[in-house]
Each structure stands twice: as structure tokens, then as C-alpha cells.
């Protein structure tokens, strides 16, 4: 049986970030700007641990900003909090997220000393025009250098990407996915760009100089990215922003393809495409489709739309989870 992986998220905003990307408002996105107290972090960790299976692979993740950009003493303060959990075996790793241009040998030496296992870089795009228009403040060369150093030091590498940024296209999005693979990433996160209040992207949008993707357009792009990472064996940790309260109630969202179940929308759309050949078959009394473990809801579709479409042709449709299948493999038979 596949071991379950869980991450305990601890948000550490970098209050003095020297760069302001056009899409970024860290407080609105994470719902947090102040640095958490040690007692609150320990309480949060304990709460999460109580809800996880004892045989799971668990990590503490320091997210919310550019971890390696905060002063070293602050990095050590937070990393020390994780040490008792690592030493006791209650967690199996620590992951941090940061900017590609915040990677150096000195920084990696420190992370290695404190048992960090995974480093995620916010690459966002591997097209120079998109990086410049988004005011990322780093280049493709920074991503390449940072990724190479991370792998040289033996860390697991995560490369996050965004689609729909200023200057982005479907072709650039797909190219970014392929370059993430070329750079040796073990995992990724995919975020459709959103227009958040009090960002430069909001100003561009209101001035008619930027048009975000619709939900349908973002779903169409992401459903094409998923198989690329599947084939390369790269784990997709997340698709779409975490639905903070401000995003859910719309107070912080100006425009863009936000949906609290965005991953399900994208996965369902991918499965719908995969099932097209079945719909071309003659009507059957019972159609049985075998899909990988954990993919049942995605295969049935958001609001069961995939099953309903299949049932327009086949009288009965049954989904069976098969542990021998992976990613988006499936088998079908007519009974």
C-alpha cells in the first residue's frame, strides 16, 4: 500500500521582501502577515499530528514567503522548533519554500545542518518575458543555478509554476512544465494567476492592460500540464491556491480563475477527455471502468458530470479502483 504523505504548513511571511511581484499580496493570499509565535507553531504542529495516521510520512513545511531571505537567526529559530519532532521520528522531514535567487551554498549549508529535506523554488515561469512583465526580480538563469545547487546538495527539489501571468500563453505554460522536468524537479505546484486586491496586477487589470484567464481557460491549460508531469514521474502537490477566507468570500479577489475545488475541475476535465473514446463505442448494458486508487471522484467528475455523460450512451456505469493502475491509466470493459 502507498504511504500517505502529509505536510504541516507553517506560514512565515518575509516582511522585508526586496521585490514586489505584480501578483503578490502575501497577506491576502495566505491570510497572514505577522510572524507566528513559537507556542502557536508548536500547538499547530501537535494539532495536525493528532489527525494524521501513525504510519504516514509527515513533514513540517515553512511557507508563506521566501524562507531563505529572512535573517539567518530567524531561520534557525524556526528550524529549531522542528528538531524535537525530527529526532523523535514524529515527522520525517522539513520543507521550505523560497525564491530562486535566494539560493547559495551558505544558505544550503544551514538548511542541511537542520535536517531540511525539500526546497521548493517559486519559478512561476521559465520565459524571460513573463518574468520581466511579472516583476519577479530574477531570471531563468537564477532558477537553473538554484535548482542545480539544490540537487547537488542532495535536497528534494520542488519547482512551483503559475499560468496566466502577464505575457504568458499556453505554449509558454507547456514549455515551463517541460523545463521544470529538465531541471530535475521531484514535485511541483501549479497556480493559475489571480488578480488580488492591492497588487500591481489589480492596477493593470483595472486599466485594461491585463486580462486574467477565465476558469474554463485555466482548466484547459492545467489539464494539459497534468499528463506532462505524470509521464515524468513528478508529483503535483497542489493545483490552485489554498482557499483562504478572503478568497472564498470574495473580499480579496478582484478577478481571475479562483475556484475552491480547482484541482477537481482540472482533473475531471482531463478524465472527460480520456473517456471520449469510450463514448464512441456502441451502447452497453453495463460499462465498468477501472481507475487508480484515489481517482474515483475525479474520474466520476465534478458534480458527477463525466458519469452522467457516459450514462447518456451506456445504461449503467461502474467505477472500480485498481491498485495496479497509476496516474491517469484506466481500463474498461462492457458487461
C-alpha atoms as a PDB file:
ATOM      1  CA  UNK A   1       0.000   0.000   0.000  1.00  0.00           C
ATOM      2  CA  UNK A   2       1.281   3.501  -0.907  1.00  0.00           C
ATOM      3  CA  UNK A   3       2.392   5.506   2.131  1.00  0.00           C
ATOM      4  CA  UNK A   4       0.371   8.659   2.734  1.00  0.00           C
ATOM      5  CA  UNK A   5       2.296  11.950   2.698  1.00  0.00           C
ATOM      6  CA  UNK A   6       1.239  14.959   4.756  1.00  0.00           C
ATOM      7  CA  UNK A   7       2.688  18.427   5.267  1.00  0.00           C
ATOM      8  CA  UNK A   8       2.066  20.611   8.318  1.00  0.00           C
ATOM      9  CA  UNK A   9       2.042  24.168   6.896  1.00  0.00           C
ATOM     10  CA  UNK A  10       3.661  26.941   8.913  1.00  0.00           C
ATOM     11  CA  UNK A  11       3.424  30.363   7.263  1.00  0.00           C
ATOM     12  CA  UNK A  12       6.482  32.577   7.727  1.00  0.00           C
ATOM     13  CA  UNK A  13       5.984  35.815   5.743  1.00  0.00           C
ATOM     14  CA  UNK A  14       9.120  37.642   4.680  1.00  0.00           C
ATOM     15  CA  UNK A  15       8.202  41.116   5.892  1.00  0.00           C
ATOM     16  CA  UNK A  16      11.162  42.818   4.234  1.00  0.00           C
ATOM     17  CA  UNK A  17      10.950  41.242   0.783  1.00  0.00           C
ATOM     18  CA  UNK A  18      13.027  43.459  -1.538  1.00  0.00           C
ATOM     19  CA  UNK A  19      10.868  42.569  -4.528  1.00  0.00           C
ATOM     20  CA  UNK A  20       7.161  43.025  -5.146  1.00  0.00           C
ATOM     21  CA  UNK A  21       5.817  40.814  -7.915  1.00  0.00           C
ATOM     22  CA  UNK A  22       2.823  42.237  -9.761  1.00  0.00           C
ATOM     23  CA  UNK A  23       0.557  39.459  -8.496  1.00  0.00           C
ATOM     24  CA  UNK A  24       1.709  39.375  -4.880  1.00  0.00           C
ATOM     25  CA  UNK A  25      -0.087  40.433  -1.753  1.00  0.00           C
ATOM     26  CA  UNK A  26       1.185  37.896   0.754  1.00  0.00           C
ATOM     27  CA  UNK A  27      -1.302  38.844   3.468  1.00  0.00           C
ATOM     28  CA  UNK A  28      -4.297  38.429   1.181  1.00  0.00           C
ATOM     29  CA  UNK A  29      -3.035  35.152  -0.301  1.00  0.00           C
ATOM     30  CA  UNK A  30      -2.002  33.429   2.921  1.00  0.00           C
ATOM     31  CA  UNK A  31      -4.401  35.226   5.237  1.00  0.00           C
ATOM     32  CA  UNK A  32      -1.433  36.068   7.452  1.00  0.00           C
ATOM     33  CA  UNK A  33       1.239  38.741   7.646  1.00  0.00           C
ATOM     34  CA  UNK A  34       2.508  38.665  11.229  1.00  0.00           C
ATOM     35  CA  UNK A  35       5.227  36.193  12.221  1.00  0.00           C
ATOM     36  CA  UNK A  36       3.736  33.389  14.343  1.00  0.00           C
ATOM     37  CA  UNK A  37       4.805  32.829  17.945  1.00  0.00           C
ATOM     38  CA  UNK A  38       6.728  29.661  18.802  1.00  0.00           C
ATOM     39  CA  UNK A  39       3.961  28.479  21.129  1.00  0.00           C
ATOM     40  CA  UNK A  40       1.392  28.869  18.343  1.00  0.00           C
ATOM     41  CA  UNK A  41       3.558  26.894  15.926  1.00  0.00           C
ATOM     42  CA  UNK A  42       4.036  24.038  18.400  1.00  0.00           C
ATOM     43  CA  UNK A  43       0.313  23.979  19.119  1.00  0.00           C
ATOM     44  CA  UNK A  44      -0.436  23.892  15.404  1.00  0.00           C
ATOM     45  CA  UNK A  45       2.026  21.048  14.834  1.00  0.00           C
ATOM     46  CA  UNK A  46       0.540  18.998  17.676  1.00  0.00           C
ATOM     47  CA  UNK A  47      -2.983  19.534  16.357  1.00  0.00           C
ATOM     48  CA  UNK A  48      -2.010  18.330  12.898  1.00  0.00           C
ATOM     49  CA  UNK A  49      -0.095  15.325  14.243  1.00  0.00           C
ATOM     50  CA  UNK A  50      -3.133  14.154  16.199  1.00  0.00           C
ATOM     51  CA  UNK A  51      -5.115  13.916  12.980  1.00  0.00           C
ATOM     52  CA  UNK A  52      -2.547  12.026  10.881  1.00  0.00           C
ATOM     53  CA  UNK A  53      -2.185   8.233  10.618  1.00  0.00           C
ATOM     54  CA  UNK A  54       0.765   6.890  12.626  1.00  0.00           C
ATOM     55  CA  UNK A  55       2.307   5.225   9.554  1.00  0.00           C
ATOM     56  CA  UNK A  56       2.252   8.366   7.388  1.00  0.00           C
ATOM     57  CA  UNK A  57       5.227  10.297   6.023  1.00  0.00           C
ATOM     58  CA  UNK A  58       4.942  13.738   7.642  1.00  0.00           C
ATOM     59  CA  UNK A  59       6.855  16.947   7.002  1.00  0.00           C
ATOM     60  CA  UNK A  60       6.761  20.404   8.525  1.00  0.00           C
ATOM     61  CA  UNK A  61       6.667  22.992   5.751  1.00  0.00           C
ATOM     62  CA  UNK A  62       7.739  26.603   6.220  1.00  0.00           C
ATOM     63  CA  UNK A  63       5.766  28.523   3.598  1.00  0.00           C
ATOM     64  CA  UNK A  64       4.296  31.956   3.015  1.00  0.00           C
ATOM     65  CA  UNK A  65       7.332  33.902   1.845  1.00  0.00           C
ATOM     66  CA  UNK A  66      10.956  33.381   0.913  1.00  0.00           C
ATOM     67  CA  UNK A  67      12.292  31.422   3.871  1.00  0.00           C
ATOM     68  CA  UNK A  68      15.973  31.758   2.994  1.00  0.00           C
ATOM     69  CA  UNK A  69      15.521  35.511   2.655  1.00  0.00           C
ATOM     70  CA  UNK A  70      14.793  36.122   6.332  1.00  0.00           C
ATOM     71  CA  UNK A  71      17.786  36.754   8.628  1.00  0.00           C
ATOM     72  CA  UNK A  72      19.754  33.612   9.496  1.00  0.00           C
ATOM     73  CA  UNK A  73      18.930  33.810  13.207  1.00  0.00           C
ATOM     74  CA  UNK A  74      15.219  33.799  12.358  1.00  0.00           C
ATOM     75  CA  UNK A  75      15.651  30.824  10.036  1.00  0.00           C
ATOM     76  CA  UNK A  76      17.439  28.962  12.817  1.00  0.00           C
ATOM     77  CA  UNK A  77      14.719  29.917  15.308  1.00  0.00           C
ATOM     78  CA  UNK A  78      12.041  28.238  13.201  1.00  0.00           C
ATOM     79  CA  UNK A  79      14.165  25.276  12.155  1.00  0.00           C
ATOM     80  CA  UNK A  80      14.995  24.554  15.799  1.00  0.00           C
ATOM     81  CA  UNK A  81      11.278  24.210  16.534  1.00  0.00           C
ATOM     82  CA  UNK A  82      11.159  21.267  14.123  1.00  0.00           C
ATOM     83  CA  UNK A  83      14.162  19.446  15.620  1.00  0.00           C
ATOM     84  CA  UNK A  84      12.432  17.571  18.503  1.00  0.00           C
ATOM     85  CA  UNK A  85       9.832  16.252  16.070  1.00  0.00           C
ATOM     86  CA  UNK A  86      12.536  15.090  13.660  1.00  0.00           C
ATOM     87  CA  UNK A  87      14.638  13.486  16.383  1.00  0.00           C
ATOM     88  CA  UNK A  88      11.675  11.635  17.880  1.00  0.00           C
ATOM     89  CA  UNK A  89      10.580  10.377  14.472  1.00  0.00           C
ATOM     90  CA  UNK A  90       7.182  12.057  14.706  1.00  0.00           C
ATOM     91  CA  UNK A  91       7.980  13.798  11.420  1.00  0.00           C
ATOM     92  CA  UNK A  92      10.235  12.570   8.636  1.00  0.00           C
ATOM     93  CA  UNK A  93      11.309  15.827   7.018  1.00  0.00           C
ATOM     94  CA  UNK A  94      11.240  19.602   6.758  1.00  0.00           C
ATOM     95  CA  UNK A  95      10.495  21.570   3.609  1.00  0.00           C
ATOM     96  CA  UNK A  96      10.895  25.268   2.890  1.00  0.00           C
ATOM     97  CA  UNK A  97       9.818  27.484   0.020  1.00  0.00           C
ATOM     98  CA  UNK A  98      11.904  30.361  -1.294  1.00  0.00           C
ATOM     99  CA  UNK A  99      12.936  32.418  -4.323  1.00  0.00           C
ATOM    100  CA  UNK A 100      15.387  31.081  -6.934  1.00  0.00           C
ATOM    101  CA  UNK A 101      17.769  33.995  -6.328  1.00  0.00           C
ATOM    102  CA  UNK A 102      17.837  33.276  -2.574  1.00  0.00           C
ATOM    103  CA  UNK A 103      19.833  30.075  -3.018  1.00  0.00           C
ATOM    104  CA  UNK A 104      23.535  29.966  -2.149  1.00  0.00           C
ATOM    105  CA  UNK A 105      25.968  27.452  -0.690  1.00  0.00           C
ATOM    106  CA  UNK A 106      25.919  29.204   2.702  1.00  0.00           C
ATOM    107  CA  UNK A 107      22.127  29.078   2.825  1.00  0.00           C
ATOM    108  CA  UNK A 108      22.052  25.421   1.789  1.00  0.00           C
ATOM    109  CA  UNK A 109      24.696  24.534   4.386  1.00  0.00           C
ATOM    110  CA  UNK A 110      22.413  25.966   7.061  1.00  0.00           C
ATOM    111  CA  UNK A 111      19.337  24.087   5.811  1.00  0.00           C
ATOM    112  CA  UNK A 112      21.286  20.834   5.602  1.00  0.00           C
ATOM    113  CA  UNK A 113      22.503  21.304   9.187  1.00  0.00           C
ATOM    114  CA  UNK A 114      18.914  21.467  10.440  1.00  0.00           C
ATOM    115  CA  UNK A 115      17.599  18.470   8.539  1.00  0.00           C
ATOM    116  CA  UNK A 116      15.696  20.202   5.757  1.00  0.00           C
ATOM    117  CA  UNK A 117      14.808  17.603   3.149  1.00  0.00           C
ATOM    118  CA  UNK A 118      12.920  19.528   0.440  1.00  0.00           C
ATOM    119  CA  UNK A 119      13.346  23.012  -1.027  1.00  0.00           C
ATOM    120  CA  UNK A 120      10.643  24.499  -3.221  1.00  0.00           C
ATOM    121  CA  UNK A 121      11.505  27.341  -5.566  1.00  0.00           C
ATOM    122  CA  UNK A 122       8.888  29.743  -6.887  1.00  0.00           C
ATOM    123  CA  UNK A 123       9.980  29.577 -10.510  1.00  0.00           C
ATOM    124  CA  UNK A 124       6.495  30.661 -11.728  1.00  0.00           C
ATOM    125  CA  UNK A 125       7.587  30.782 -15.378  1.00  0.00           C
ATOM    126  CA  UNK A 126      10.622  29.841 -17.416  1.00  0.00           C
ATOM    127  CA  UNK A 127      10.011  32.502 -20.035  1.00  0.00           C
ATOM    128  CA  UNK A 128      12.048  35.701 -19.619  1.00  0.00           C
ATOM    129  CA  UNK A 129       9.287  37.982 -20.949  1.00  0.00           C
ATOM    130  CA  UNK A 130       6.802  36.634 -18.414  1.00  0.00           C
ATOM    131  CA  UNK A 131       9.322  37.014 -15.578  1.00  0.00           C
ATOM    132  CA  UNK A 132      10.034  40.622 -16.560  1.00  0.00           C
ATOM    133  CA  UNK A 133       6.375  41.590 -17.009  1.00  0.00           C
ATOM    134  CA  UNK A 134       5.528  39.952 -13.681  1.00  0.00           C
ATOM    135  CA  UNK A 135       8.419  41.828 -11.988  1.00  0.00           C
ATOM    136  CA  UNK A 136       9.762  38.643 -10.476  1.00  0.00           C
ATOM    137  CA  UNK A 137      13.188  40.184  -9.985  1.00  0.00           C
ATOM    138  CA  UNK A 138      15.033  37.036 -11.040  1.00  0.00           C
ATOM    139  CA  UNK A 139      15.989  35.411 -14.332  1.00  0.00           C
ATOM    140  CA  UNK A 140      15.755  31.953 -15.820  1.00  0.00           C
ATOM    141  CA  UNK A 141      19.474  31.594 -15.080  1.00  0.00           C
ATOM    142  CA  UNK A 142      18.702  32.109 -11.368  1.00  0.00           C
ATOM    143  CA  UNK A 143      16.204  29.251 -11.481  1.00  0.00           C
ATOM    144  CA  UNK A 144      18.678  26.995 -13.287  1.00  0.00           C
ATOM    145  CA  UNK A 145      21.520  27.814 -10.882  1.00  0.00           C
ATOM    146  CA  UNK A 146      19.342  27.432  -7.785  1.00  0.00           C
ATOM    147  CA  UNK A 147      17.852  24.133  -8.933  1.00  0.00           C
ATOM    148  CA  UNK A 148      21.298  22.758  -9.773  1.00  0.00           C
ATOM    149  CA  UNK A 149      22.714  23.683  -6.355  1.00  0.00           C
ATOM    150  CA  UNK A 150      19.736  22.202  -4.529  1.00  0.00           C
ATOM    151  CA  UNK A 151      20.142  18.892  -6.304  1.00  0.00           C
ATOM    152  CA  UNK A 152      23.928  18.978  -5.838  1.00  0.00           C
ATOM    153  CA  UNK A 153      23.357  19.211  -2.078  1.00  0.00           C
ATOM    154  CA  UNK A 154      21.012  16.220  -2.136  1.00  0.00           C
ATOM    155  CA  UNK A 155      17.768  18.024  -1.333  1.00  0.00           C
ATOM    156  CA  UNK A 156      14.491  17.059  -2.956  1.00  0.00           C
ATOM    157  CA  UNK A 157      13.612  19.824  -5.422  1.00  0.00           C
ATOM    158  CA  UNK A 158      10.211  21.410  -5.870  1.00  0.00           C
ATOM    159  CA  UNK A 159       9.555  23.940  -8.637  1.00  0.00           C
ATOM    160  CA  UNK A 160       6.318  25.923  -8.461  1.00  0.00           C
ATOM    161  CA  UNK A 161       4.738  27.372 -11.597  1.00  0.00           C
ATOM    162  CA  UNK A 162       1.962  29.824 -12.470  1.00  0.00           C
ATOM    163  CA  UNK A 163      -0.102  30.070 -15.631  1.00  0.00           C
ATOM    164  CA  UNK A 164      -1.864  33.153 -16.943  1.00  0.00           C
ATOM    165  CA  UNK A 165       0.705  35.732 -15.804  1.00  0.00           C
ATOM    166  CA  UNK A 166       1.266  38.864 -17.927  1.00  0.00           C
ATOM    167  CA  UNK A 167       2.775  37.825 -21.250  1.00  0.00           C
ATOM    168  CA  UNK A 168       2.018  34.146 -20.699  1.00  0.00           C
ATOM    169  CA  UNK A 169       0.488  31.854 -23.330  1.00  0.00           C
ATOM    170  CA  UNK A 170      -0.489  28.190 -23.473  1.00  0.00           C
ATOM    171  CA  UNK A 171       2.747  27.452 -25.342  1.00  0.00           C
ATOM    172  CA  UNK A 172       4.833  29.193 -22.662  1.00  0.00           C
ATOM    173  CA  UNK A 173       2.969  27.358 -19.909  1.00  0.00           C
ATOM    174  CA  UNK A 174       3.643  23.981 -21.526  1.00  0.00           C
ATOM    175  CA  UNK A 175       7.279  24.947 -22.124  1.00  0.00           C
ATOM    176  CA  UNK A 176       7.637  25.863 -18.443  1.00  0.00           C
ATOM    177  CA  UNK A 177       6.297  22.453 -17.425  1.00  0.00           C
ATOM    178  CA  UNK A 178       8.826  20.696 -19.669  1.00  0.00           C
ATOM    179  CA  UNK A 179      11.679  22.871 -18.355  1.00  0.00           C
ATOM    180  CA  UNK A 180      10.689  22.044 -14.765  1.00  0.00           C
ATOM    181  CA  UNK A 181      11.177  18.397 -15.694  1.00  0.00           C
ATOM    182  CA  UNK A 182      14.514  19.129 -17.380  1.00  0.00           C
ATOM    183  CA  UNK A 183      15.744  20.877 -14.218  1.00  0.00           C
ATOM    184  CA  UNK A 184      15.219  17.711 -12.199  1.00  0.00           C
ATOM    185  CA  UNK A 185      12.220  18.633 -10.046  1.00  0.00           C
ATOM    186  CA  UNK A 186      10.746  15.916  -7.849  1.00  0.00           C
ATOM    187  CA  UNK A 187       7.492  17.776  -7.244  1.00  0.00           C
ATOM    188  CA  UNK A 188       5.598  20.866  -8.336  1.00  0.00           C
ATOM    189  CA  UNK A 189       2.655  23.123  -7.551  1.00  0.00           C
ATOM    190  CA  UNK A 190       0.514  24.720 -10.262  1.00  0.00           C
ATOM    191  CA  UNK A 191      -1.197  28.045  -9.624  1.00  0.00           C
ATOM    192  CA  UNK A 192      -3.442  29.916 -12.079  1.00  0.00           C
ATOM    193  CA  UNK A 193      -2.690  33.642 -11.713  1.00  0.00           C
ATOM    194  CA  UNK A 194      -5.323  35.629  -9.796  1.00  0.00           C
ATOM    195  CA  UNK A 195      -5.911  39.359  -9.508  1.00  0.00           C
ATOM    196  CA  UNK A 196      -5.714  40.095  -5.780  1.00  0.00           C
ATOM    197  CA  UNK A 197      -6.600  43.423  -4.171  1.00  0.00           C
ATOM    198  CA  UNK A 198      -3.800  45.915  -3.545  1.00  0.00           C
ATOM    199  CA  UNK A 199      -1.444  44.463  -6.138  1.00  0.00           C
ATOM    200  CA  UNK A 200       0.038  45.959  -9.281  1.00  0.00           C
ATOM    201  CA  UNK A 201      -1.834  43.313 -11.236  1.00  0.00           C
ATOM    202  CA  UNK A 202      -5.078  44.868  -9.958  1.00  0.00           C
ATOM    203  CA  UNK A 203      -3.963  48.232 -11.325  1.00  0.00           C
ATOM    204  CA  UNK A 204      -3.125  46.671 -14.695  1.00  0.00           C
ATOM    205  CA  UNK A 205      -6.457  44.844 -14.774  1.00  0.00           C
ATOM    206  CA  UNK A 206      -8.489  47.960 -13.908  1.00  0.00           C
ATOM    207  CA  UNK A 207      -6.580  49.916 -16.563  1.00  0.00           C
ATOM    208  CA  UNK A 208      -7.439  47.270 -19.172  1.00  0.00           C
ATOM    209  CA  UNK A 209      -3.800  46.259 -19.591  1.00  0.00           C
ATOM    210  CA  UNK A 210      -4.151  42.730 -18.229  1.00  0.00           C
ATOM    211  CA  UNK A 211      -6.842  40.133 -18.756  1.00  0.00           C
ATOM    212  CA  UNK A 212      -6.814  37.089 -16.449  1.00  0.00           C
ATOM    213  CA  UNK A 213      -7.750  33.633 -17.616  1.00  0.00           C
ATOM    214  CA  UNK A 214     -11.330  32.516 -17.186  1.00  0.00           C
ATOM    215  CA  UNK A 215     -11.900  29.388 -15.116  1.00  0.00           C
ATOM    216  CA  UNK A 216     -12.560  27.427 -18.325  1.00  0.00           C
ATOM    217  CA  UNK A 217      -9.312  28.680 -19.886  1.00  0.00           C
ATOM    218  CA  UNK A 218      -7.283  27.910 -16.760  1.00  0.00           C
ATOM    219  CA  UNK A 219      -8.802  24.423 -16.522  1.00  0.00           C
ATOM    220  CA  UNK A 220      -7.971  23.802 -20.179  1.00  0.00           C
ATOM    221  CA  UNK A 221      -4.332  24.767 -19.613  1.00  0.00           C
ATOM    222  CA  UNK A 222      -3.863  22.822 -16.417  1.00  0.00           C
ATOM    223  CA  UNK A 223      -5.468  19.641 -17.773  1.00  0.00           C
ATOM    224  CA  UNK A 224      -2.763  19.685 -20.465  1.00  0.00           C
ATOM    225  CA  UNK A 225       0.012  20.115 -17.902  1.00  0.00           C
ATOM    226  CA  UNK A 226      -1.019  17.224 -15.644  1.00  0.00           C
ATOM    227  CA  UNK A 227      -0.127  14.404 -18.106  1.00  0.00           C
ATOM    228  CA  UNK A 228       3.267  16.024 -18.767  1.00  0.00           C
ATOM    229  CA  UNK A 229       4.191  15.713 -15.098  1.00  0.00           C
ATOM    230  CA  UNK A 230       2.543  12.283 -14.834  1.00  0.00           C
ATOM    231  CA  UNK A 231       4.745  10.903 -17.594  1.00  0.00           C
ATOM    232  CA  UNK A 232       7.877  12.340 -15.971  1.00  0.00           C
ATOM    233  CA  UNK A 233       7.015  10.902 -12.555  1.00  0.00           C
ATOM    234  CA  UNK A 234       6.773  14.340 -10.932  1.00  0.00           C
ATOM    235  CA  UNK A 235       4.335  14.661  -8.043  1.00  0.00           C
ATOM    236  CA  UNK A 236       1.850  17.528  -8.296  1.00  0.00           C
ATOM    237  CA  UNK A 237       1.467  18.648  -4.698  1.00  0.00           C
ATOM    238  CA  UNK A 238      -1.209  21.244  -5.314  1.00  0.00           C
ATOM    239  CA  UNK A 239      -3.265  22.789  -8.113  1.00  0.00           C
ATOM    240  CA  UNK A 240      -4.815  26.177  -7.356  1.00  0.00           C
ATOM    241  CA  UNK A 241      -4.386  28.484  -4.390  1.00  0.00           C
ATOM    242  CA  UNK A 242      -5.421  27.355  -0.942  1.00  0.00           C
ATOM    243  CA  UNK A 243      -8.914  28.810  -0.400  1.00  0.00           C
ATOM    244  CA  UNK A 244      -8.271  31.383   2.334  1.00  0.00           C
ATOM    245  CA  UNK A 245     -11.294  33.099   3.852  1.00  0.00           C
ATOM    246  CA  UNK A 246     -10.616  36.261   1.860  1.00  0.00           C
ATOM    247  CA  UNK A 247     -10.636  34.348  -1.414  1.00  0.00           C
ATOM    248  CA  UNK A 248     -13.697  32.300  -0.502  1.00  0.00           C
ATOM    249  CA  UNK A 249     -15.882  35.274   0.383  1.00  0.00           C
ATOM    250  CA  UNK A 250     -14.521  37.357  -2.483  1.00  0.00           C
ATOM    251  CA  UNK A 251     -13.223  40.225  -0.347  1.00  0.00           C
ATOM    252  CA  UNK A 252      -9.645  39.817  -1.585  1.00  0.00           C
ATOM    253  CA  UNK A 253     -10.310  38.539  -5.110  1.00  0.00           C
ATOM    254  CA  UNK A 254     -10.712  41.100  -7.887  1.00  0.00           C
ATOM    255  CA  UNK A 255     -10.733  38.757 -10.882  1.00  0.00           C
ATOM    256  CA  UNK A 256      -9.294  35.534 -12.192  1.00  0.00           C
ATOM    257  CA  UNK A 257      -9.870  31.775 -12.188  1.00  0.00           C
ATOM    258  CA  UNK A 258     -10.329  31.057  -8.500  1.00  0.00           C
ATOM    259  CA  UNK A 259     -12.411  28.035  -7.519  1.00  0.00           C
ATOM    260  CA  UNK A 260     -12.215  26.252  -4.142  1.00  0.00           C
ATOM    261  CA  UNK A 261     -12.190  22.912  -5.988  1.00  0.00           C
ATOM    262  CA  UNK A 262      -9.977  23.954  -8.875  1.00  0.00           C
ATOM    263  CA  UNK A 263      -7.927  20.762  -8.870  1.00  0.00           C
ATOM    264  CA  UNK A 264     -11.074  18.672  -9.112  1.00  0.00           C
ATOM    265  CA  UNK A 265     -12.235  20.770 -12.069  1.00  0.00           C
ATOM    266  CA  UNK A 266      -8.939  20.240 -13.903  1.00  0.00           C
ATOM    267  CA  UNK A 267      -8.649  16.536 -13.088  1.00  0.00           C
ATOM    268  CA  UNK A 268     -12.285  15.960 -14.058  1.00  0.00           C
ATOM    269  CA  UNK A 269     -11.743  17.723 -17.381  1.00  0.00           C
ATOM    270  CA  UNK A 270      -8.709  15.522 -18.059  1.00  0.00           C
ATOM    271  CA  UNK A 271     -10.672  12.354 -17.307  1.00  0.00           C
ATOM    272  CA  UNK A 272     -13.500  13.563 -19.564  1.00  0.00           C
ATOM    273  CA  UNK A 273     -11.035  13.825 -22.449  1.00  0.00           C
ATOM    274  CA  UNK A 274      -9.645  10.377 -21.692  1.00  0.00           C
ATOM    275  CA  UNK A 275     -13.130   8.844 -21.713  1.00  0.00           C
ATOM    276  CA  UNK A 276     -14.009  10.250 -25.148  1.00  0.00           C
ATOM    277  CA  UNK A 277     -13.063   7.043 -26.924  1.00  0.00           C
ATOM    278  CA  UNK A 278     -15.478   5.099 -24.706  1.00  0.00           C
ATOM    279  CA  UNK A 279     -18.327   7.356 -25.794  1.00  0.00           C
ATOM    280  CA  UNK A 280     -17.585   6.378 -29.370  1.00  0.00           C
ATOM    281  CA  UNK A 281     -18.327   2.704 -28.538  1.00  0.00           C
ATOM    282  CA  UNK A 282     -21.752   1.102 -29.041  1.00  0.00           C
ATOM    283  CA  UNK A 283     -24.173   1.308 -26.142  1.00  0.00           C
ATOM    284  CA  UNK A 284     -23.681  -1.304 -23.437  1.00  0.00           C
ATOM    285  CA  UNK A 285     -25.849  -2.548 -20.580  1.00  0.00           C
ATOM    286  CA  UNK A 286     -23.015  -2.043 -18.081  1.00  0.00           C
ATOM    287  CA  UNK A 287     -19.744  -0.177 -18.529  1.00  0.00           C
ATOM    288  CA  UNK A 288     -17.065  -0.928 -15.926  1.00  0.00           C
ATOM    289  CA  UNK A 289     -14.106   1.443 -15.720  1.00  0.00           C
ATOM    290  CA  UNK A 290     -11.041   0.622 -13.608  1.00  0.00           C
ATOM    291  CA  UNK A 291      -9.113   3.657 -12.381  1.00  0.00           C
ATOM    292  CA  UNK A 292      -6.173   4.220  -9.955  1.00  0.00           C
ATOM    293  CA  UNK A 293      -6.632   4.416  -6.203  1.00  0.00           C
ATOM    294  CA  UNK A 294      -7.761   7.840  -5.073  1.00  0.00           C
ATOM    295  CA  UNK A 295      -9.021   8.888  -8.510  1.00  0.00           C
ATOM    296  CA  UNK A 296     -12.639   7.810  -8.155  1.00  0.00           C
ATOM    297  CA  UNK A 297     -14.144  11.245  -7.516  1.00  0.00           C
ATOM    298  CA  UNK A 298     -12.021  12.879 -10.203  1.00  0.00           C
ATOM    299  CA  UNK A 299     -12.936  10.220 -12.767  1.00  0.00           C
ATOM    300  CA  UNK A 300     -16.652  10.413 -11.978  1.00  0.00           C
ATOM    301  CA  UNK A 301     -16.260  14.141 -12.496  1.00  0.00           C
ATOM    302  CA  UNK A 302     -17.138  17.373 -10.776  1.00  0.00           C
ATOM    303  CA  UNK A 303     -20.822  17.062  -9.847  1.00  0.00           C
ATOM    304  CA  UNK A 304     -20.609  13.588 -11.474  1.00  0.00           C
ATOM    305  CA  UNK A 305     -20.626  15.159 -14.937  1.00  0.00           C
ATOM    306  CA  UNK A 306     -18.336  12.534 -16.504  1.00  0.00           C
ATOM    307  CA  UNK A 307     -20.506   9.659 -15.302  1.00  0.00           C
ATOM    308  CA  UNK A 308     -23.674  11.433 -16.435  1.00  0.00           C
ATOM    309  CA  UNK A 309     -22.207  11.941 -19.893  1.00  0.00           C
ATOM    310  CA  UNK A 310     -21.240   8.272 -20.124  1.00  0.00           C
ATOM    311  CA  UNK A 311     -24.717   7.275 -18.951  1.00  0.00           C
ATOM    312  CA  UNK A 312     -26.224   9.071 -21.935  1.00  0.00           C
ATOM    313  CA  UNK A 313     -24.858   6.184 -24.006  1.00  0.00           C
ATOM    314  CA  UNK A 314     -24.355   3.293 -21.598  1.00  0.00           C
ATOM    315  CA  UNK A 315     -27.184   2.211 -19.305  1.00  0.00           C
ATOM    316  CA  UNK A 316     -25.030   1.675 -16.230  1.00  0.00           C
ATOM    317  CA  UNK A 317     -21.532   2.948 -15.444  1.00  0.00           C
ATOM    318  CA  UNK A 318     -19.446   1.488 -12.638  1.00  0.00           C
ATOM    319  CA  UNK A 319     -16.054   2.769 -11.420  1.00  0.00           C
ATOM    320  CA  UNK A 320     -13.604   0.344  -9.783  1.00  0.00           C
ATOM    321  CA  UNK A 321     -10.363   1.414  -8.060  1.00  0.00           C
ATOM    322  CA  UNK A 322      -7.433  -0.764  -9.134  1.00  0.00           C
ATOM    323  CA  UNK A 323      -4.107  -0.525  -7.212  1.00  0.00           C
ATOM    324  CA  UNK A 324      -2.179  -1.766 -10.255  1.00  0.00           C
ATOM    325  CA  UNK A 325      -3.020   1.435 -12.160  1.00  0.00           C
ATOM    326  CA  UNK A 326      -1.208   4.751 -11.666  1.00  0.00           C
ATOM    327  CA  UNK A 327      -1.713   8.417 -12.552  1.00  0.00           C
ATOM    328  CA  UNK A 328      -4.476   8.521 -15.168  1.00  0.00           C
ATOM    329  CA  UNK A 329      -4.285   4.992 -16.505  1.00  0.00           C
ATOM    330  CA  UNK A 330      -7.586   3.189 -16.890  1.00  0.00           C
ATOM    331  CA  UNK A 331      -9.148   0.053 -18.278  1.00  0.00           C
ATOM    332  CA  UNK A 332     -12.738  -0.554 -19.299  1.00  0.00           C
ATOM    333  CA  UNK A 333     -14.964  -3.414 -20.256  1.00  0.00           C
ATOM    334  CA  UNK A 334     -18.580  -3.911 -21.269  1.00  0.00           C
ATOM    335  CA  UNK A 335     -20.696  -6.352 -19.294  1.00  0.00           C
END
